[in-house]
């Protein structure tokens, strides 16, 4: 039986450690919770997906209502990725092709800005030039330092006061960043769209590098133990070429290779199981750490097969898998239980009537409530798939832009969107 391990008891403090990623054991962890990760900042949202397992699960309850306040506006650049939340609910935003430093430095580029919880600018730093973009959320370390990757090959570490500790622009070369993650001791894993994946130590020294000519690497989640990194690569066409899923160790050695499914948009639960998508047969797949299929599910609603994930996979507090799938005429949020059976499905045309498949990243709170937006309409579903609230944040007829959201320690949504040449940050409470 998989066991919940009790760690240590200190005066006034009870510390739990979770040890559930043994693929030979039949039972599941009873509840999902954030894995202790010493190298990562202990904050509401320090990394893409909220944690190195990319569960997109907040440790806090989100808002039951949708009152809205605009807390920040800037008419320069645009958001290519979402915000991070620091230990004091401070907000880190990342603006691409930003002209903030155009007058002083003479160019635009990727800019990181630290805001207070109420949206006031604390500091702002130019981390890369030549109209660079930040495609993937940076990482906030346990020392409140930011690790940032840009599409020009830049890898930078920014100190807590906004100054740059180190900056490399020639480690990997130009190409869109498709992943950034951190293991338990602070080693950095970085993949970009020019055939390479690499690892650096916490001081920015190159540890190892893997090349696959003609392929595009994607870096996925890390196992709860911190010893396995899920990655993979596509051929030239991301939509038609099958992906090879690689499980590598922290030394860069290939442990397993599989073509069963993709690591793209995947998550890992507390049992160490990878939840991902197989485009070959439009199924959601659960694999254990030796790539054995635990379950595989084609989602059929009203006799119609749903297909194509257009969003991240989220792991709820009871180990449920939450995905967004569509048909030619509709779009659904779907929850699957730990065994791959459908808990509920909710048609999103009830929320926003278009047939568009475009949504923001979705997050789930500690109570299992879901938060997402569809073409400018922000919404929340409860843990049974029922609509809790909706609010239209912007008019989709003026164009489609990426938007992003997370939850701070006060249970407020921090919602970021670039609209009509403005970067906007809202609080929803």
Foldseek 3Di string as FASTA:
>chain_A
DQDFAFDDDDVVDGDTAHDFQDVVDDDHDQWFDAHDFQFAAPFQAFFQLRHLQNQLETQFAADLFFDKDFQDKDLFAFALEDWGAHHQRKIKGKGFQGCPCCVPPVFGGIKIFIAHNRNHTQDMEHQDTPRKHFNGDWGQTRQRWTWGAIQQQKTWIAHNNGHTLDIDRPPPGGFGWQDWHAFRQGKIWTFGQQQKIFIAHNNGHTQDMGGDHQWGKHWAGAFSVRFWTWIWIFGPDPVPGQIKIFIAGPNRHTPDIDRQFHRPLWGATSNQWIWGAHQVVQWIFTARPRRDTQDIDQDADPNRTWHDFPEHWHQAGRRWIWTWTADQQWIWIWIAHNNRHTLDIETCCVVPVDRDSDKAYKHAYNQGKIWIADLQKTWIAGNNRHTSDIDRRDDSVQDDWYKDWGAGNVSWIWIWGQDPSMTITMTTD
